[in-house]
Amino acid sequence: MMRLIDHWFTRAECARIFPFIGFILLLALQPWLVELFTALGVAAQASYLCRCLLALWLLFYFKTDYRELSDKPAGTQIGVALLAGVLVFVLWIAPYPGWLGGSETQNAAAMPMQTSADWFWLGCRWAGSAFVVPVIEELFWRSYLMRRLDANDFMTVSPAAVTTYAILLSSVLFAVEHQLWFAGLLAGLVYSWLYRHFQVLWVAIIAHVTTNALLGAWVVFGDHWQYW
């Protein structure tokens, strides 16, 4: 299996693809995981924790391969990232008509908030969305795919040299991943611009973290569970 993987992907590609794909794979298997956990007497929310733990393990496994994460953002860049994250959050909760995906987010069950166990699983859901998802998505969508669209050897592509074509196509594909596809498209464009402009992936990650953290708080304390 590893020989087959090595034949199709370089280690640099694996490091940026596998954490994201692993997360998505367990999402696809969620109905079976929930059934398994229920049979074992474990809360169904454990399936989300499993996704995050798999992603974290893969990030740790490939930790020496993330050269782009060695570039730390300056103070002004962090400020811009925070503002961009707030902007994307506002765009995400804006009311959209059905043809922009708005009608797809209406039916969602609220997570229970009765016991300490309920709050534990809720905390896992928020933390995973706010801190794990932004890292694996920015490594995949911006660091890997956006640059890969411009060159097979994506590691040689400077973020500043990424073409408009790569930004647009990667943002469209990023949008397809989300129910609110129009909001996802706008978010993808913002995060892509941040990476190209500042050439520091942490700027896009911090913006993404800000968006998801605010969205999680909006979901829980505003009772807007359709976003989860």
C-alpha atoms as a PDB file:
ATOM      1  CA  MET A   1       0.000   0.000   0.000  1.00  0.00           C
ATOM      2  CA  MET A   2       2.756   2.448   0.944  1.00  0.00           C
ATOM      3  CA  ARG A   3       4.603   1.698  -2.297  1.00  0.00           C
ATOM      4  CA  LEU A   4       1.436   2.492  -4.248  1.00  0.00           C
ATOM      5  CA  ILE A   5       1.006   5.731  -2.311  1.00  0.00           C
ATOM      6  CA  ASP A   6       4.647   6.671  -2.909  1.00  0.00           C
ATOM      7  CA  HIS A   7       4.120   6.011  -6.617  1.00  0.00           C
ATOM      8  CA  TRP A   8       1.229   8.473  -6.867  1.00  0.00           C
ATOM      9  CA  PHE A   9       2.150  11.079  -4.253  1.00  0.00           C
ATOM     10  CA  THR A  10       5.302  12.664  -2.932  1.00  0.00           C
ATOM     11  CA  ARG A  11       5.773  12.918   0.822  1.00  0.00           C
ATOM     12  CA  ALA A  12       5.153  16.664   0.589  1.00  0.00           C
ATOM     13  CA  GLU A  13       1.781  15.948  -1.036  1.00  0.00           C
ATOM     14  CA  CYS A  14       0.892  13.245   1.489  1.00  0.00           C
ATOM     15  CA  ALA A  15       1.621  15.604   4.377  1.00  0.00           C
ATOM     16  CA  ARG A  16      -0.916  18.113   3.104  1.00  0.00           C
ATOM     17  CA  ILE A  17      -3.501  15.727   1.663  1.00  0.00           C
ATOM     18  CA  PHE A  18      -3.803  12.943   4.227  1.00  0.00           C
ATOM     19  CA  PRO A  19      -4.937  14.919   7.328  1.00  0.00           C
ATOM     20  CA  PHE A  20      -7.730  16.496   5.285  1.00  0.00           C
ATOM     21  CA  ILE A  21      -8.713  13.310   3.456  1.00  0.00           C
ATOM     22  CA  GLY A  22      -8.646  11.312   6.683  1.00  0.00           C
ATOM     23  CA  PHE A  23     -11.051  13.795   8.255  1.00  0.00           C
ATOM     24  CA  ILE A  24     -13.365  13.660   5.229  1.00  0.00           C
ATOM     25  CA  LEU A  25     -13.215   9.865   5.068  1.00  0.00           C
ATOM     26  CA  LEU A  26     -14.406   9.503   8.655  1.00  0.00           C
ATOM     27  CA  LEU A  27     -17.115  12.058   7.905  1.00  0.00           C
ATOM     28  CA  ALA A  28     -18.331   9.812   5.072  1.00  0.00           C
ATOM     29  CA  LEU A  29     -18.291   6.871   7.485  1.00  0.00           C
ATOM     30  CA  GLN A  30     -20.130   8.779  10.204  1.00  0.00           C
ATOM     31  CA  PRO A  31     -23.454   6.848   9.958  1.00  0.00           C
ATOM     32  CA  TRP A  32     -21.625   3.571  10.585  1.00  0.00           C
ATOM     33  CA  LEU A  33     -19.451   5.086  13.312  1.00  0.00           C
ATOM     34  CA  VAL A  34     -22.488   6.478  15.103  1.00  0.00           C
ATOM     35  CA  GLU A  35     -24.163   3.080  14.903  1.00  0.00           C
ATOM     36  CA  LEU A  36     -21.033   1.429  16.291  1.00  0.00           C
ATOM     37  CA  PHE A  37     -20.653   3.909  19.155  1.00  0.00           C
ATOM     38  CA  THR A  38     -24.331   3.616  20.014  1.00  0.00           C
ATOM     39  CA  ALA A  39     -24.014  -0.158  20.214  1.00  0.00           C
ATOM     40  CA  LEU A  40     -21.012   0.281  22.521  1.00  0.00           C
ATOM     41  CA  GLY A  41     -22.888   2.721  24.712  1.00  0.00           C
ATOM     42  CA  VAL A  42     -20.733   5.676  23.655  1.00  0.00           C
ATOM     43  CA  ALA A  43     -22.173   9.062  22.699  1.00  0.00           C
ATOM     44  CA  ALA A  44     -22.674   9.525  18.964  1.00  0.00           C
ATOM     45  CA  GLN A  45     -20.668  12.766  19.186  1.00  0.00           C
ATOM     46  CA  ALA A  46     -17.550  10.654  19.630  1.00  0.00           C
ATOM     47  CA  SER A  47     -17.446  10.293  15.840  1.00  0.00           C
ATOM     48  CA  TYR A  48     -16.404  13.948  15.506  1.00  0.00           C
ATOM     49  CA  LEU A  49     -13.715  13.492  18.135  1.00  0.00           C
ATOM     50  CA  CYS A  50     -12.376  10.523  16.170  1.00  0.00           C
ATOM     51  CA  ARG A  51     -12.118  12.679  13.052  1.00  0.00           C
ATOM     52  CA  CYS A  52     -10.148  15.313  14.912  1.00  0.00           C
ATOM     53  CA  LEU A  53      -7.851  12.797  16.593  1.00  0.00           C
ATOM     54  CA  LEU A  54      -7.046  11.155  13.263  1.00  0.00           C
ATOM     55  CA  ALA A  55      -6.257  14.545  11.722  1.00  0.00           C
ATOM     56  CA  LEU A  56      -4.091  15.517  14.699  1.00  0.00           C
ATOM     57  CA  TRP A  57      -2.192  12.224  14.561  1.00  0.00           C
ATOM     58  CA  LEU A  58      -1.464  12.703  10.863  1.00  0.00           C
ATOM     59  CA  LEU A  59      -0.390  16.316  11.448  1.00  0.00           C
ATOM     60  CA  PHE A  60       1.991  15.101  14.143  1.00  0.00           C
ATOM     61  CA  TYR A  61       3.277  12.302  11.915  1.00  0.00           C
ATOM     62  CA  PHE A  62       4.143  14.763   9.138  1.00  0.00           C
ATOM     63  CA  LYS A  63       5.147  17.636  11.442  1.00  0.00           C
ATOM     64  CA  THR A  64       8.662  17.964   9.991  1.00  0.00           C
ATOM     65  CA  ASP A  65       7.294  18.406   6.463  1.00  0.00           C
ATOM     66  CA  TYR A  66       5.402  21.654   6.994  1.00  0.00           C
ATOM     67  CA  ARG A  67       8.032  24.174   6.006  1.00  0.00           C
ATOM     68  CA  GLU A  68       5.393  26.843   5.401  1.00  0.00           C
ATOM     69  CA  LEU A  69       4.423  26.716   9.077  1.00  0.00           C
ATOM     70  CA  SER A  70       7.908  27.825  10.115  1.00  0.00           C
ATOM     71  CA  ASP A  71       7.145  31.364   8.866  1.00  0.00           C
ATOM     72  CA  LYS A  72       5.535  33.198  11.765  1.00  0.00           C
ATOM     73  CA  PRO A  73       3.195  36.168  11.196  1.00  0.00           C
ATOM     74  CA  ALA A  74       4.063  39.693  12.279  1.00  0.00           C
ATOM     75  CA  GLY A  75       1.803  41.628  14.635  1.00  0.00           C
ATOM     76  CA  THR A  76       0.171  43.633  11.861  1.00  0.00           C
ATOM     77  CA  GLN A  77      -0.430  40.451   9.886  1.00  0.00           C
ATOM     78  CA  ILE A  78      -2.173  38.878  12.874  1.00  0.00           C
ATOM     79  CA  GLY A  79      -4.380  41.961  13.128  1.00  0.00           C
ATOM     80  CA  VAL A  80      -5.335  41.726   9.454  1.00  0.00           C
ATOM     81  CA  ALA A  81      -6.010  38.006   9.873  1.00  0.00           C
ATOM     82  CA  LEU A  82      -8.340  38.631  12.809  1.00  0.00           C
ATOM     83  CA  LEU A  83     -10.247  41.299  10.898  1.00  0.00           C
ATOM     84  CA  ALA A  84     -10.479  39.043   7.842  1.00  0.00           C
ATOM     85  CA  GLY A  85     -11.763  36.215  10.020  1.00  0.00           C
ATOM     86  CA  VAL A  86     -14.485  38.450  11.428  1.00  0.00           C
ATOM     87  CA  LEU A  87     -15.408  39.562   7.909  1.00  0.00           C
ATOM     88  CA  VAL A  88     -15.760  35.976   6.713  1.00  0.00           C
ATOM     89  CA  PHE A  89     -17.852  35.159   9.787  1.00  0.00           C
ATOM     90  CA  VAL A  90     -20.236  38.011   8.904  1.00  0.00           C
ATOM     91  CA  LEU A  91     -20.387  36.781   5.321  1.00  0.00           C
ATOM     92  CA  TRP A  92     -21.103  33.268   6.589  1.00  0.00           C
ATOM     93  CA  ILE A  93     -24.115  34.202   8.707  1.00  0.00           C
ATOM     94  CA  ALA A  94     -25.555  36.621   6.158  1.00  0.00           C
ATOM     95  CA  PRO A  95     -29.004  35.555   4.875  1.00  0.00           C
ATOM     96  CA  TYR A  96     -28.755  33.979   1.439  1.00  0.00           C
ATOM     97  CA  PRO A  97     -31.569  32.923  -0.891  1.00  0.00           C
ATOM     98  CA  GLY A  98     -32.035  29.259  -1.663  1.00  0.00           C
ATOM     99  CA  TRP A  99     -30.185  29.403  -4.970  1.00  0.00           C
ATOM    100  CA  LEU A 100     -27.060  30.476  -3.067  1.00  0.00           C
ATOM    101  CA  GLY A 101     -27.333  27.529  -0.708  1.00  0.00           C
ATOM    102  CA  GLY A 102     -29.330  29.201   2.042  1.00  0.00           C
ATOM    103  CA  SER A 103     -32.166  26.688   1.989  1.00  0.00           C
ATOM    104  CA  GLU A 104     -29.784  23.801   2.639  1.00  0.00           C
ATOM    105  CA  THR A 105     -28.978  24.896   6.198  1.00  0.00           C
ATOM    106  CA  GLN A 106     -32.442  24.954   7.731  1.00  0.00           C
ATOM    107  CA  ASN A 107     -32.708  21.497   9.290  1.00  0.00           C
ATOM    108  CA  ALA A 108     -30.273  20.670  12.062  1.00  0.00           C
ATOM    109  CA  ALA A 109     -30.674  19.104  15.489  1.00  0.00           C
ATOM    110  CA  ALA A 110     -29.310  20.987  18.481  1.00  0.00           C
ATOM    111  CA  MET A 111     -26.648  19.283  20.545  1.00  0.00           C
ATOM    112  CA  PRO A 112     -27.803  18.585  24.137  1.00  0.00           C
ATOM    113  CA  MET A 113     -26.485  20.859  26.885  1.00  0.00           C
ATOM    114  CA  GLN A 114     -27.810  19.156  30.000  1.00  0.00           C
ATOM    115  CA  THR A 115     -24.964  17.240  31.620  1.00  0.00           C
ATOM    116  CA  SER A 116     -21.220  17.685  32.011  1.00  0.00           C
ATOM    117  CA  ALA A 117     -20.771  14.993  29.367  1.00  0.00           C
ATOM    118  CA  ASP A 118     -22.909  17.010  26.962  1.00  0.00           C
ATOM    119  CA  TRP A 119     -20.690  20.047  27.510  1.00  0.00           C
ATOM    120  CA  PHE A 120     -17.590  17.912  27.011  1.00  0.00           C
ATOM    121  CA  TRP A 121     -18.774  16.748  23.579  1.00  0.00           C
ATOM    122  CA  LEU A 122     -19.875  20.268  22.735  1.00  0.00           C
ATOM    123  CA  GLY A 123     -16.411  21.520  23.659  1.00  0.00           C
ATOM    124  CA  CYS A 124     -14.835  18.864  21.452  1.00  0.00           C
ATOM    125  CA  ARG A 125     -17.032  19.931  18.563  1.00  0.00           C
ATOM    126  CA  TRP A 126     -16.182  23.602  18.980  1.00  0.00           C
ATOM    127  CA  ALA A 127     -12.454  23.017  19.504  1.00  0.00           C
ATOM    128  CA  GLY A 128     -12.211  20.714  16.502  1.00  0.00           C
ATOM    129  CA  SER A 129     -14.025  23.177  14.282  1.00  0.00           C
ATOM    130  CA  ALA A 130     -12.035  26.161  15.556  1.00  0.00           C
ATOM    131  CA  PHE A 131      -8.506  24.745  15.771  1.00  0.00           C
ATOM    132  CA  VAL A 132      -8.173  21.461  13.870  1.00  0.00           C
ATOM    133  CA  VAL A 133     -10.246  22.103  10.750  1.00  0.00           C
ATOM    134  CA  PRO A 134      -8.584  25.433   9.846  1.00  0.00           C
ATOM    135  CA  VAL A 135      -5.110  23.892   9.942  1.00  0.00           C
ATOM    136  CA  ILE A 136      -5.880  20.842   7.821  1.00  0.00           C
ATOM    137  CA  GLU A 137      -7.989  22.846   5.359  1.00  0.00           C
ATOM    138  CA  GLU A 138      -5.442  25.616   4.857  1.00  0.00           C
ATOM    139  CA  LEU A 139      -2.649  23.077   4.388  1.00  0.00           C
ATOM    140  CA  PHE A 140      -4.738  21.260   1.789  1.00  0.00           C
ATOM    141  CA  TRP A 141      -6.651  23.997  -0.041  1.00  0.00           C
ATOM    142  CA  ARG A 142      -4.198  26.871   0.050  1.00  0.00           C
ATOM    143  CA  SER A 143      -0.709  25.461   0.628  1.00  0.00           C
ATOM    144  CA  TYR A 144      -1.173  22.376  -1.533  1.00  0.00           C
ATOM    145  CA  LEU A 145      -4.019  22.557  -4.065  1.00  0.00           C
ATOM    146  CA  MET A 146      -3.844  26.256  -4.896  1.00  0.00           C
ATOM    147  CA  ARG A 147      -0.122  25.981  -5.691  1.00  0.00           C
ATOM    148  CA  ARG A 148      -0.490  22.536  -7.275  1.00  0.00           C
ATOM    149  CA  LEU A 149      -2.840  24.011  -9.866  1.00  0.00           C
ATOM    150  CA  ASP A 150       0.067  26.140 -11.072  1.00  0.00           C
ATOM    151  CA  ALA A 151       2.826  23.506 -11.038  1.00  0.00           C
ATOM    152  CA  ASN A 152       3.289  19.788 -10.418  1.00  0.00           C
ATOM    153  CA  ASP A 153       6.109  20.579  -8.003  1.00  0.00           C
ATOM    154  CA  PHE A 154       3.927  22.828  -5.871  1.00  0.00           C
ATOM    155  CA  MET A 155       6.643  23.376  -3.269  1.00  0.00           C
ATOM    156  CA  THR A 156       8.561  25.491  -5.777  1.00  0.00           C
ATOM    157  CA  VAL A 157       5.620  27.866  -6.251  1.00  0.00           C
ATOM    158  CA  SER A 158       5.845  31.006  -4.142  1.00  0.00           C
ATOM    159  CA  PRO A 159       2.469  32.032  -2.686  1.00  0.00           C
ATOM    160  CA  ALA A 160       3.087  35.497  -4.146  1.00  0.00           C
ATOM    161  CA  ALA A 161       3.300  33.974  -7.627  1.00  0.00           C
ATOM    162  CA  VAL A 162       0.040  32.012  -7.454  1.00  0.00           C
ATOM    163  CA  THR A 163      -2.133  32.824 -10.456  1.00  0.00           C
ATOM    164  CA  THR A 164      -5.658  34.177 -10.411  1.00  0.00           C
ATOM    165  CA  TYR A 165      -6.745  30.960 -12.126  1.00  0.00           C
ATOM    166  CA  ALA A 166      -5.424  28.884  -9.219  1.00  0.00           C
ATOM    167  CA  ILE A 167      -7.082  31.123  -6.656  1.00  0.00           C
ATOM    168  CA  LEU A 168     -10.449  31.026  -8.400  1.00  0.00           C
ATOM    169  CA  LEU A 169     -10.506  27.298  -9.096  1.00  0.00           C
ATOM    170  CA  SER A 170      -9.301  26.271  -5.633  1.00  0.00           C
ATOM    171  CA  SER A 171     -11.869  28.628  -4.080  1.00  0.00           C
ATOM    172  CA  VAL A 172     -14.661  27.150  -6.200  1.00  0.00           C
ATOM    173  CA  LEU A 173     -13.667  23.645  -5.132  1.00  0.00           C
ATOM    174  CA  PHE A 174     -13.464  24.827  -1.518  1.00  0.00           C
ATOM    175  CA  ALA A 175     -17.004  26.197  -1.899  1.00  0.00           C
ATOM    176  CA  VAL A 176     -18.308  22.829  -3.127  1.00  0.00           C
ATOM    177  CA  GLU A 177     -17.178  21.316   0.176  1.00  0.00           C
ATOM    178  CA  HIS A 178     -19.675  23.485   2.080  1.00  0.00           C
ATOM    179  CA  GLN A 179     -23.463  23.580   2.185  1.00  0.00           C
ATOM    180  CA  LEU A 180     -23.424  27.374   2.047  1.00  0.00           C
ATOM    181  CA  TRP A 181     -21.408  27.274  -1.135  1.00  0.00           C
ATOM    182  CA  PHE A 182     -21.534  31.011  -1.848  1.00  0.00           C
ATOM    183  CA  ALA A 183     -20.232  31.854   1.614  1.00  0.00           C
ATOM    184  CA  GLY A 184     -17.610  29.142   1.124  1.00  0.00           C
ATOM    185  CA  LEU A 185     -16.549  30.713  -2.155  1.00  0.00           C
ATOM    186  CA  LEU A 186     -16.128  34.132  -0.560  1.00  0.00           C
ATOM    187  CA  ALA A 187     -14.230  32.590   2.349  1.00  0.00           C
ATOM    188  CA  GLY A 188     -11.929  30.728  -0.025  1.00  0.00           C
ATOM    189  CA  LEU A 189     -11.176  33.923  -1.921  1.00  0.00           C
ATOM    190  CA  VAL A 190     -10.363  35.800   1.286  1.00  0.00           C
ATOM    191  CA  TYR A 191      -8.088  33.086   2.699  1.00  0.00           C
ATOM    192  CA  SER A 192      -6.372  32.688  -0.669  1.00  0.00           C
ATOM    193  CA  TRP A 193      -5.742  36.414  -0.932  1.00  0.00           C
ATOM    194  CA  LEU A 194      -4.242  36.450   2.560  1.00  0.00           C
ATOM    195  CA  TYR A 195      -1.809  33.674   1.676  1.00  0.00           C
ATOM    196  CA  ARG A 196      -0.787  35.239  -1.611  1.00  0.00           C
ATOM    197  CA  HIS A 197      -0.466  38.739  -0.203  1.00  0.00           C
ATOM    198  CA  PHE A 198       1.431  37.938   3.006  1.00  0.00           C
ATOM    199  CA  GLN A 199       3.072  34.653   1.913  1.00  0.00           C
ATOM    200  CA  VAL A 200       2.608  33.327   5.447  1.00  0.00           C
ATOM    201  CA  LEU A 201       0.154  30.455   5.784  1.00  0.00           C
ATOM    202  CA  TRP A 202      -0.415  31.242   9.458  1.00  0.00           C
ATOM    203  CA  VAL A 203      -2.214  34.436   8.411  1.00  0.00           C
ATOM    204  CA  ALA A 204      -4.819  32.405   6.514  1.00  0.00           C
ATOM    205  CA  ILE A 205      -4.981  29.861   9.347  1.00  0.00           C
ATOM    206  CA  ILE A 206      -5.556  32.553  11.996  1.00  0.00           C
ATOM    207  CA  ALA A 207      -8.301  34.111   9.881  1.00  0.00           C
ATOM    208  CA  HIS A 208      -9.903  30.681   9.432  1.00  0.00           C
ATOM    209  CA  VAL A 209      -9.615  29.971  13.173  1.00  0.00           C
ATOM    210  CA  THR A 210     -11.279  33.294  13.950  1.00  0.00           C
ATOM    211  CA  THR A 211     -14.148  32.594  11.565  1.00  0.00           C
ATOM    212  CA  ASN A 212     -14.798  29.100  12.878  1.00  0.00           C
ATOM    213  CA  ALA A 213     -14.436  30.077  16.541  1.00  0.00           C
ATOM    214  CA  LEU A 214     -16.963  32.906  16.154  1.00  0.00           C
ATOM    215  CA  LEU A 215     -19.278  30.679  14.139  1.00  0.00           C
ATOM    216  CA  GLY A 216     -19.155  28.024  16.852  1.00  0.00           C
ATOM    217  CA  ALA A 217     -20.092  30.575  19.495  1.00  0.00           C
ATOM    218  CA  TRP A 218     -22.880  31.851  17.216  1.00  0.00           C
ATOM    219  CA  VAL A 219     -24.189  28.311  16.837  1.00  0.00           C
ATOM    220  CA  VAL A 220     -24.183  27.455  20.543  1.00  0.00           C
ATOM    221  CA  PHE A 221     -25.207  30.714  22.201  1.00  0.00           C
ATOM    222  CA  GLY A 222     -27.426  31.967  19.396  1.00  0.00           C
ATOM    223  CA  ASP A 223     -29.152  28.623  18.836  1.00  0.00           C
ATOM    224  CA  HIS A 224     -28.186  28.586  15.138  1.00  0.00           C
ATOM    225  CA  TRP A 225     -27.498  24.876  14.890  1.00  0.00           C
ATOM    226  CA  GLN A 226     -28.095  24.807  11.140  1.00  0.00           C
ATOM    227  CA  TYR A 227     -24.506  25.986  10.650  1.00  0.00           C
ATOM    228  CA  TRP A 228     -23.197  22.792  12.240  1.00  0.00           C
END
